[in-house]
Protein backbone atom coordinates (compact mmCIF):
# COMPACT_ATOMS: atom_id res chain seq x y z
CA MET A 1 59.75 -26.11 -52.93
CA ILE A 2 57.10 -28.68 -52.20
CA VAL A 3 59.78 -31.39 -52.06
CA ALA A 4 61.80 -29.31 -49.60
CA ALA A 5 58.81 -28.68 -47.41
CA LEU A 6 57.83 -32.33 -47.40
CA LEU A 7 61.42 -33.34 -46.62
CA VAL A 8 61.57 -31.01 -43.64
CA LEU A 9 58.15 -32.16 -42.43
CA ALA A 10 58.98 -35.88 -42.75
CA LEU A 11 62.36 -35.54 -41.04
CA GLY A 12 60.88 -33.36 -38.35
CA LEU A 13 58.21 -35.92 -37.51
CA ALA A 14 60.56 -38.90 -37.67
CA THR A 15 63.44 -37.43 -35.70
CA GLY A 16 61.17 -35.56 -33.29
CA ILE A 17 59.70 -38.77 -31.88
CA VAL A 18 63.14 -40.34 -31.47
CA ALA A 19 64.65 -37.14 -30.09
CA ARG A 20 61.93 -36.78 -27.46
CA ARG A 21 62.47 -40.35 -26.29
CA GLY A 22 66.23 -39.87 -26.14
CA ALA A 23 65.98 -36.56 -24.28
CA SER A 24 63.74 -38.11 -21.62
CA ALA A 25 65.96 -41.17 -21.08
CA ARG A 26 67.60 -41.52 -17.68
CA ALA A 27 69.92 -44.31 -16.63
CA PRO A 28 70.22 -45.50 -13.04
CA ARG A 29 73.32 -43.97 -11.49
CA ALA A 30 75.50 -47.04 -11.61
CA ALA A 31 79.17 -47.87 -11.98
CA HIS A 32 81.25 -51.00 -12.53
CA PHE A 33 78.38 -53.37 -13.32
CA PRO A 34 79.49 -56.00 -15.86
CA GLY A 35 78.55 -54.99 -19.39
CA GLN A 36 77.45 -51.43 -18.64
CA PRO A 37 78.76 -48.45 -20.64
CA GLU A 38 81.09 -46.50 -18.35
CA GLY A 39 81.19 -42.72 -18.09
CA LEU A 40 77.56 -42.12 -19.02
CA ALA A 41 76.54 -38.54 -18.17
CA ASP A 42 73.64 -37.66 -15.89
CA ARG A 43 71.93 -35.80 -18.75
CA PRO A 44 71.71 -36.31 -22.53
CA PRO A 45 74.52 -34.67 -24.52
CA VAL A 46 71.96 -32.51 -26.33
CA ARG A 47 68.85 -30.89 -24.87
CA LEU A 48 65.55 -31.33 -26.71
CA ARG A 49 65.29 -27.55 -26.94
CA VAL A 50 68.41 -27.55 -29.15
CA TRP A 51 66.78 -30.01 -31.53
CA ALA A 52 63.60 -27.89 -31.49
CA ALA A 53 65.55 -24.71 -32.23
CA VAL A 54 67.30 -26.32 -35.20
CA ALA A 55 64.00 -27.68 -36.51
CA ALA A 56 62.38 -24.25 -36.22
CA ALA A 57 65.33 -22.60 -37.96
CA VAL A 58 65.11 -25.06 -40.84
CA VAL A 59 61.37 -24.43 -41.26
CA VAL A 60 61.92 -20.66 -41.28
CA ALA A 61 64.82 -20.94 -43.76
CA VAL A 62 62.83 -23.14 -46.16
CA ALA A 63 59.74 -20.96 -45.90
CA ALA A 64 61.72 -17.75 -46.43
CA THR A 65 63.55 -18.96 -49.53
CA ALA A 66 60.95 -21.25 -51.08
CA PHE A 67 59.49 -18.68 -53.54
CA LEU A 68 62.66 -16.63 -54.03
CA ASP A 69 65.08 -19.45 -54.76
CA PRO A 70 63.80 -23.05 -54.68
CA ALA A 71 67.37 -24.39 -54.95
CA VAL A 72 68.40 -22.56 -51.78
CA ALA A 73 65.28 -23.83 -50.05
CA LEU A 74 66.11 -27.36 -51.03
CA GLY A 75 69.70 -26.92 -49.83
CA ALA A 76 68.50 -25.52 -46.51
CA ALA A 77 66.13 -28.46 -46.13
CA VAL A 78 68.87 -30.97 -46.82
CA ILE A 79 71.41 -29.32 -44.47
CA GLY A 80 68.77 -28.86 -41.78
CA SER A 81 67.65 -32.46 -42.12
CA VAL A 82 71.21 -33.71 -41.73
CA ALA A 83 71.60 -31.55 -38.61
CA LEU A 84 68.39 -32.97 -37.16
CA ILE A 85 69.52 -36.51 -37.92
CA VAL A 86 72.88 -35.90 -36.21
CA LEU A 87 71.28 -34.38 -33.10
CA THR A 88 68.74 -37.16 -32.97
CA GLY A 89 71.56 -39.69 -33.29
CA PHE A 90 73.24 -38.26 -30.20
CA LEU A 91 70.00 -38.50 -28.24
CA HIS A 92 69.23 -41.99 -29.53
CA ARG A 93 72.72 -43.23 -28.61
CA TYR A 94 72.30 -41.79 -25.12
CA ALA A 95 68.92 -43.51 -24.69
CA ARG A 96 70.41 -46.78 -25.92
CA ASP A 97 73.29 -46.53 -23.42
CA CYS A 98 70.81 -45.73 -20.63
CA ALA A 99 68.95 -48.91 -21.50
CA LYS A 100 72.22 -50.86 -21.43
CA VAL A 101 73.04 -49.56 -17.96
CA ALA A 102 69.59 -50.48 -16.66
CA ALA A 103 69.88 -53.92 -18.25
CA ALA A 104 73.35 -54.46 -16.76
CA VAL A 105 72.15 -53.59 -13.26
CA GLU A 106 69.11 -55.84 -13.64
CA ALA A 107 71.13 -58.72 -15.10
CA TYR A 108 73.75 -58.60 -12.34
CA GLU A 109 71.11 -59.39 -9.69
CA PRO A 110 73.15 -58.76 -6.53
CA THR A 111 71.92 -60.67 -3.51
CA ILE A 112 73.96 -58.73 -0.94
CA ALA A 113 74.22 -54.95 -0.67
CA ILE A 114 76.00 -52.45 1.52
CA PRO A 115 73.72 -49.40 1.63
CA TYR A 116 75.81 -46.43 2.70
CA ALA A 117 74.68 -43.06 4.06
CA GLY A 118 77.85 -42.15 5.94
CA LYS A 119 80.34 -39.42 5.12
CA VAL A 120 83.55 -41.46 4.77
CA GLY A 121 83.40 -44.54 2.61
CA VAL A 122 86.27 -46.32 4.35
CA HIS A 123 83.75 -48.16 6.54
CA ILE A 124 82.77 -50.32 3.56
CA GLY A 125 86.36 -51.45 3.05
CA MET A 126 86.41 -52.74 6.62
CA TRP A 127 84.08 -55.58 5.55
CA SER A 128 84.27 -55.87 1.76
CA PRO A 129 87.34 -58.17 1.51
CA TRP A 130 85.47 -60.98 3.25
CA ILE A 131 82.28 -60.43 1.25
CA GLU A 132 84.41 -60.77 -1.88
CA ARG A 133 85.84 -64.06 -0.63
CA THR A 134 82.38 -65.63 -0.34
CA GLY A 135 81.80 -65.25 -4.08
CA VAL A 136 78.28 -63.84 -3.66
CA ARG A 137 77.15 -61.06 -5.98
CA TRP A 138 77.06 -57.81 -4.08
CA CYS A 139 76.97 -54.08 -4.61
CA ILE A 140 77.25 -50.78 -2.80
CA VAL A 141 74.15 -48.57 -2.67
CA ALA A 142 74.86 -44.85 -2.33
CA ARG A 143 72.27 -42.50 -0.91
CA THR A 144 73.31 -39.25 -2.61
CA ALA A 145 74.90 -38.17 -5.89
CA PRO A 146 78.12 -36.89 -4.23
CA SER A 147 78.38 -40.11 -2.24
CA PHE A 148 77.87 -42.16 -5.41
CA ARG A 149 80.73 -40.41 -7.17
CA GLU A 150 83.02 -40.76 -4.16
CA LEU A 151 82.26 -44.45 -3.63
CA ALA A 152 82.56 -45.30 -7.33
CA GLU A 153 86.05 -43.82 -7.28
CA MET A 154 87.00 -45.36 -3.95
CA TYR A 155 85.90 -48.88 -4.96
CA PRO A 156 86.77 -49.14 -8.68
CA THR A 157 86.02 -52.85 -9.03
CA THR A 158 82.80 -53.03 -7.00
CA PRO A 159 79.37 -52.38 -8.53
CA VAL A 160 77.92 -49.17 -7.10
CA VAL A 161 74.39 -47.86 -7.63
CA ARG A 162 72.59 -44.82 -6.31
CA GLY A 163 69.01 -44.98 -5.12
CA PRO A 164 66.92 -47.71 -3.52
CA ILE A 165 68.31 -51.13 -2.76
CA PRO A 166 67.94 -53.38 -5.86
CA ALA A 167 64.97 -55.74 -5.65
CA SER A 168 67.21 -58.82 -6.01
CA VAL A 169 69.04 -58.07 -2.74
CA ARG A 170 68.22 -60.47 0.09
CA GLY A 171 70.66 -59.17 2.69
CA ALA A 172 71.57 -55.52 3.33
CA LEU A 173 74.63 -54.95 5.52
CA TYR A 174 75.17 -51.62 7.29
CA PRO A 175 78.72 -50.74 8.40
CA HIS A 176 77.67 -47.26 9.48
CA GLY A 177 74.81 -46.31 11.79
CA ALA A 178 73.59 -43.20 9.96
CA ALA A 179 70.09 -42.07 10.89
CA SER A 180 69.12 -41.98 7.21
CA ASN A 181 69.63 -45.74 6.96
CA ALA A 182 65.96 -45.76 7.87
CA ASP A 183 65.18 -44.68 4.30
CA PHE A 184 66.95 -47.74 2.90
CA ILE A 185 65.18 -50.02 5.36
CA ALA A 186 61.73 -48.63 4.57
CA GLY A 187 62.22 -49.15 0.85
CA SER A 188 63.43 -52.76 0.76
CA ALA A 189 62.14 -56.18 1.78
CA ALA A 190 65.70 -57.46 2.34
CA THR A 191 66.98 -58.63 5.71
CA HIS A 192 68.66 -55.55 7.18
CA VAL A 193 71.76 -56.30 9.23
CA PHE A 194 73.69 -53.85 11.39
CA LEU A 195 77.45 -54.45 11.25
CA GLY A 196 78.91 -51.22 12.58
CA HIS A 197 82.56 -50.48 12.01
CA GLY A 198 84.11 -51.24 15.36
CA ASP A 199 83.47 -52.47 18.88
CA SER A 200 84.10 -49.88 21.58
CA ASP A 201 82.73 -48.22 24.70
CA LYS A 202 82.06 -44.93 22.91
CA PRO A 203 78.78 -43.25 23.94
CA LEU A 204 76.84 -44.21 20.78
CA SER A 205 78.00 -47.84 20.68
CA ALA A 206 74.77 -48.92 22.37
CA SER A 207 72.36 -46.62 20.54
CA GLU A 208 68.64 -47.23 20.13
CA ARG A 209 69.19 -46.93 16.38
CA VAL A 210 70.18 -50.60 16.25
CA LEU A 211 66.60 -51.57 17.11
CA GLN A 212 65.42 -50.79 13.56
CA TYR A 213 67.50 -53.58 12.02
CA ASP A 214 66.31 -57.15 11.53
CA LEU A 215 69.63 -58.52 12.79
CA VAL A 216 72.35 -56.94 14.92
CA THR A 217 75.79 -58.50 14.65
CA VAL A 218 78.37 -58.17 17.40
CA ALA A 219 81.98 -59.20 17.78
CA GLY A 220 81.49 -60.98 21.10
CA GLN A 221 79.54 -61.27 24.32
CA ALA A 222 80.88 -57.93 25.57
CA ALA A 223 78.78 -56.02 23.02
CA ILE A 224 75.64 -57.88 24.12
CA ASP A 225 76.44 -56.96 27.73
CA ARG A 226 76.83 -53.33 26.61
CA PHE A 227 73.34 -53.35 25.08
CA THR A 228 71.89 -54.80 28.27
CA ALA A 229 73.66 -52.21 30.43
CA ALA A 230 72.21 -49.46 28.22
CA GLY A 231 68.70 -50.83 28.68
CA LEU A 232 68.28 -51.99 25.09
CA SER A 233 66.12 -55.08 24.83
CA ILE A 234 67.11 -57.02 21.74
CA PRO A 235 65.67 -60.55 21.36
CA SER A 236 68.36 -63.21 21.19
CA GLU A 237 67.18 -64.32 17.74
CA ARG A 238 68.01 -60.86 16.42
CA LEU A 239 71.58 -60.95 17.78
CA ARG A 240 74.46 -62.77 16.11
CA ILE A 241 78.04 -63.09 17.37
CA ILE A 242 80.33 -63.03 14.34
CA GLY A 243 83.73 -62.13 15.78
CA ARG A 244 85.99 -59.57 14.12
CA PRO A 245 87.18 -60.52 10.63
CA GLN A 246 89.38 -57.42 10.80
CA THR A 247 91.65 -59.18 13.28
CA GLU A 248 92.58 -61.85 10.74
CA GLY A 249 96.35 -61.98 10.40
CA ILE A 250 97.21 -60.55 13.80
CA VAL A 251 100.11 -62.52 15.29
CA PRO A 252 99.81 -62.86 19.09
CA ALA A 253 102.74 -61.86 21.27
CA ALA A 254 105.27 -64.64 21.74
CA GLY A 255 106.76 -63.47 25.04
CA PRO A 256 107.52 -60.50 27.31
CA VAL A 257 107.77 -56.98 25.96
CA PRO A 258 111.22 -56.46 24.45
CA ARG A 259 113.38 -53.50 25.41
CA PRO A 260 113.65 -51.05 23.82
CA SER A 261 110.04 -51.27 22.66
CA THR A 262 108.19 -50.20 19.55
CA VAL A 263 104.85 -48.64 20.48
CA LEU A 264 101.85 -47.79 18.32
CA TYR A 265 100.20 -44.53 19.39
CA ALA A 266 96.74 -44.43 17.78
CA PRO A 267 94.55 -41.67 19.26
CA THR A 268 90.95 -41.48 18.17
CA TRP A 269 89.50 -38.32 16.60
CA ARG A 270 88.82 -35.31 18.78
CA HIS A 271 85.14 -34.47 19.23
CA ALA A 272 84.10 -30.86 18.70
CA ASP A 273 82.18 -31.03 21.98
CA ASP A 274 84.76 -31.39 24.75
CA SER A 275 82.16 -32.92 27.06
CA LEU A 276 81.92 -35.87 24.64
CA ASN A 277 85.60 -36.07 23.80
CA VAL A 278 87.43 -39.35 24.46
CA SER A 279 90.59 -38.51 22.50
CA SER A 280 94.09 -37.95 23.88
CA LEU A 281 95.01 -35.61 21.02
CA ALA A 282 94.87 -32.60 23.34
CA VAL A 283 97.89 -34.03 25.21
CA ALA A 284 99.41 -36.05 22.37
CA ASP A 285 102.77 -34.26 22.40
CA ARG A 286 103.23 -35.07 26.10
CA VAL A 287 102.33 -38.72 25.50
CA VAL A 288 104.82 -39.03 22.66
CA ARG A 289 107.54 -37.22 24.62
CA ALA A 290 107.08 -39.72 27.46
CA LEU A 291 107.39 -42.64 25.03
CA LEU A 292 110.55 -41.15 23.57
CA ASP A 293 111.96 -40.69 27.08
CA HIS A 294 111.38 -44.42 27.61
CA GLY A 295 113.54 -45.12 24.57
CA CYS A 296 110.60 -46.26 22.42
CA THR A 297 110.32 -46.27 18.67
CA VAL A 298 106.92 -44.69 17.99
CA VAL A 299 104.41 -45.43 15.24
CA PHE A 300 101.98 -42.49 15.24
CA ARG A 301 98.75 -43.31 13.42
CA ARG A 302 96.10 -40.63 13.38
CA HIS A 303 92.38 -41.41 13.00
CA PHE A 304 90.96 -40.74 9.52
CA ALA A 305 88.02 -38.76 10.96
CA GLY A 306 87.85 -35.40 12.70
CA GLN A 307 90.05 -33.54 10.24
CA ASN A 308 88.09 -30.31 10.67
CA HIS A 309 89.17 -29.79 14.29
CA VAL A 310 91.76 -27.00 14.10
CA GLU A 311 93.47 -27.63 17.44
CA ALA A 312 93.66 -31.37 16.83
CA GLU A 313 95.19 -30.89 13.39
CA ALA A 314 97.77 -28.49 14.84
CA MET A 315 98.67 -31.08 17.48
CA ILE A 316 99.10 -33.78 14.83
CA VAL A 317 101.54 -31.53 12.99
CA ARG A 318 103.40 -30.93 16.26
CA VAL A 319 103.70 -34.66 16.98
CA ASN A 320 104.91 -35.37 13.44
CA GLU A 321 107.59 -32.70 13.83
CA LEU A 322 108.57 -34.10 17.23
CA LEU A 323 109.07 -37.58 15.79
CA GLU A 324 110.91 -36.28 12.75
CA ALA A 325 113.34 -34.35 14.96
CA ASP A 326 113.93 -37.32 17.26
CA ALA A 327 114.50 -39.67 14.33
CA ALA A 328 117.12 -37.29 12.96
CA THR A 329 118.84 -37.10 16.35
CA THR A 330 118.65 -40.70 17.55
CA GLY A 331 118.26 -42.69 14.33
CA ARG A 332 115.18 -44.43 15.69
CA ALA A 333 112.85 -45.50 12.87
CA HIS A 334 109.69 -43.71 13.95
CA ARG A 335 106.75 -43.78 11.53
CA TRP A 336 104.26 -40.93 11.16
CA GLY A 337 102.21 -38.99 8.62
CA ARG A 338 100.94 -40.50 5.39
CA PRO A 339 103.20 -43.60 5.45
CA ALA A 340 101.85 -44.57 8.87
CA MET A 341 98.26 -43.95 7.72
CA ASP A 342 98.69 -46.02 4.57
CA GLU A 343 100.25 -48.99 6.34
CA PRO A 344 97.68 -51.79 6.78
CA LEU A 345 96.52 -51.85 10.38
CA ILE A 346 97.33 -55.53 10.82
CA GLU A 347 100.91 -54.89 9.74
CA ALA A 348 101.12 -52.03 12.21
CA PHE A 349 99.83 -54.28 15.01
CA ASN A 350 102.33 -57.00 14.16
CA SER A 351 105.24 -54.57 13.99
CA VAL A 352 104.85 -53.15 17.50
CA ASP A 353 105.19 -54.43 21.06
CA ALA A 354 102.43 -52.36 22.70
CA MET A 355 99.81 -49.72 21.93
CA VAL A 356 98.61 -46.45 23.46
CA SER A 357 95.09 -45.41 22.47
CA ASP A 358 91.76 -44.07 23.71
CA VAL A 359 88.18 -45.32 23.89
CA SER A 360 88.03 -46.64 20.33
CA GLY A 361 87.30 -49.71 18.24
CA ILE A 362 91.02 -50.14 17.58
CA VAL A 363 91.39 -51.15 21.23
CA VAL A 364 89.21 -54.22 20.83
CA ASP A 365 90.94 -55.30 17.63
CA PHE A 366 94.35 -54.93 19.31
CA MET A 367 93.21 -57.35 22.03
CA ALA A 368 93.79 -60.15 19.52
CA SER A 369 97.53 -59.48 19.77
CA ASN A 370 97.69 -60.16 23.54
CA LYS A 371 100.15 -57.26 23.74
CA PRO A 372 100.12 -54.54 26.43
CA LEU A 373 97.53 -51.82 25.92
CA VAL A 374 97.51 -48.35 27.46
CA MET A 375 94.27 -46.31 27.41
CA TYR A 376 93.82 -42.61 28.07
CA ALA A 377 90.92 -41.61 30.35
CA ALA A 378 89.92 -38.30 28.75
CA GLN A 379 87.09 -37.52 31.18
CA PHE A 380 88.39 -39.22 34.31
CA ALA A 381 90.88 -38.30 37.02
CA ASP A 382 90.50 -41.73 38.61
CA PRO A 383 91.67 -44.71 36.49
CA GLU A 384 89.45 -47.13 38.43
CA ALA A 385 86.37 -45.03 37.76
CA PHE A 386 87.32 -45.09 34.09
CA ARG A 387 87.59 -48.88 34.16
CA ALA A 388 84.18 -49.17 35.79
CA ALA A 389 82.62 -47.05 33.03
CA HIS A 390 84.61 -48.62 30.19
CA PRO A 391 84.88 -52.42 30.44
CA THR A 392 87.33 -52.53 27.50
CA ALA A 393 89.89 -51.13 29.96
CA ALA A 394 89.73 -54.15 32.28
CA ALA A 395 92.95 -55.51 30.79
CA ALA A 396 94.45 -52.11 29.96
CA TYR A 397 96.82 -49.80 31.77
CA VAL A 398 94.90 -46.54 32.28
CA VAL A 399 96.40 -43.06 32.17
CA ASP A 400 94.35 -40.38 33.95
CA ARG A 401 93.20 -37.27 32.08
CA ASP A 402 95.93 -35.07 33.60
CA LEU A 403 98.71 -37.61 32.87
CA GLN A 404 99.66 -37.74 36.56
CA ASN A 405 100.38 -41.47 36.35
CA LEU A 406 101.76 -41.57 32.80
CA GLU A 407 105.32 -42.47 33.81
CA SER A 408 104.30 -45.26 36.16
CA VAL A 409 101.82 -46.69 33.67
CA LEU A 410 104.38 -46.83 30.89
CA GLY A 411 106.84 -48.38 33.32
CA SER A 412 104.38 -51.19 34.09
CA ALA A 413 103.14 -51.77 30.53
CA LEU A 414 106.64 -51.81 29.03
CA GLY A 415 108.21 -53.51 32.04
CA ASP A 416 106.90 -56.36 34.19
CA ASP A 417 103.46 -56.21 32.50
CA PRO A 418 101.34 -57.41 35.47
CA LEU A 419 98.12 -57.53 33.36
CA ALA A 420 99.49 -60.11 30.93
CA GLY A 421 97.62 -62.95 32.61
CA ILE A 422 94.11 -61.62 32.03
CA ARG A 423 94.39 -60.32 28.48
CA ALA A 424 93.55 -63.59 26.72
CA ASP A 425 90.32 -63.97 28.70
CA ARG A 426 89.26 -60.42 27.90
CA ALA A 427 90.07 -60.97 24.24
CA ASP A 428 87.74 -63.99 24.18
CA HIS A 429 85.00 -61.93 25.82
CA TYR A 430 85.25 -59.15 23.24
CA LEU A 431 86.21 -61.03 20.10
CA GLY A 432 83.87 -63.98 20.13
CA GLY A 433 85.33 -66.64 22.40
CA PRO A 434 87.69 -69.46 21.41
CA GLU A 435 86.29 -69.36 17.87
CA ARG A 436 88.22 -66.12 17.33
CA ALA A 437 91.03 -68.34 16.06
CA GLU A 438 89.10 -68.18 12.75
CA PRO A 439 88.01 -64.54 12.91
CA ALA A 440 86.39 -64.30 9.48
CA ARG A 441 84.54 -67.62 9.31
CA ARG A 442 81.28 -66.66 11.05
CA PHE A 443 80.86 -63.41 9.13
CA MET A 444 81.42 -65.13 5.80
CA GLU A 445 78.92 -67.82 6.76
CA LEU A 446 76.37 -65.10 7.52
CA VAL A 447 76.94 -63.48 4.12
CA VAL A 448 76.42 -66.79 2.33
CA GLU A 449 73.33 -67.49 4.43
CA LEU A 450 71.77 -64.13 3.58
CA GLY A 451 72.71 -64.15 -0.07
CA GLY A 452 71.90 -67.80 -0.76
């Protein structure tokens, strides 16, 4: 009996200390760091209260049987001790794996990070291929637990961590202008750089939020002019023209628009507030019908955002059905739905002869093709008033909000194309000047500079 009691006491003390340490262990929420154990749970596999309950049960069993049957008491002590050792082993293994994760994150020492507080992680992929090509060590920093899980799945080969920016990071790049980026900025001594995810004349493109960053990158002089027009005073040393790496691979038009034409229709997402809406989705079926009447093959590429707008989603279904029916009737190889969404944007640009879109970043990227561009003026009855308010439309054919001039605009864009002569100059203005021939070089140089 004494032996049993001492055995229980000794094992309880020994495993209790280890169990408590294991139960309190917490690893940084991290994924894909070299050398880290993958699939580590947020919590230990066993709660400390389970270990405590087993220990208490063993003590009671030994005490209850000690004077009645010492052999039973000894057996209970042995079985209970084994159970405590097993439970403690689980907790110890968890604590050890937590330490390995922390060590892996610390050893990796990323010098570049993309902190992300947005809702759709695709913005990161708009820049990550060129960060990868520099060879610098970098990671994604997620703000919330749901975001961490989503980003870890979306980027399976990129280190992702949740929480503050790692101390080793020298340059933090922001592809999304979320208000909560301020939390990342306040907690890190890195150089904080605003990238954004597109250059456009949308209302928030010249927001005061950019003033909180140490450096604001822009595609070309047009974005700097937009800041000035909005009354934002940003010192020249905090501005950097880097062009648009995303235009790499776009093949410029080699001649006049062929007939019949292939046209990319890429409307932006429809805003829930109609007073702020710049999308043509409300009239998308009429736009597509007009393109079909012109004998065009249509590539319909919806925007990835705005999927909670019921009317817009219904219109997208209607357009898909319209194209499917026309393809069956005419044999024209229209593209729509998931295949069109999954096609790389550069391939889509290179496969078409012109584009119809709205006020959106895709417009500026398409300028690199020197192909005809048609823009829809969602809030304007007068195309010239739209051009005055949206400089991106200077080299575009503009369709008024009621589509009164749709036929004549398509006739010009897909016909004689009178704006062909000014498109190259506008592309230089928006995409970084003559250096846009190497669209990724300046951004990659910036990454190396920050991470070096």
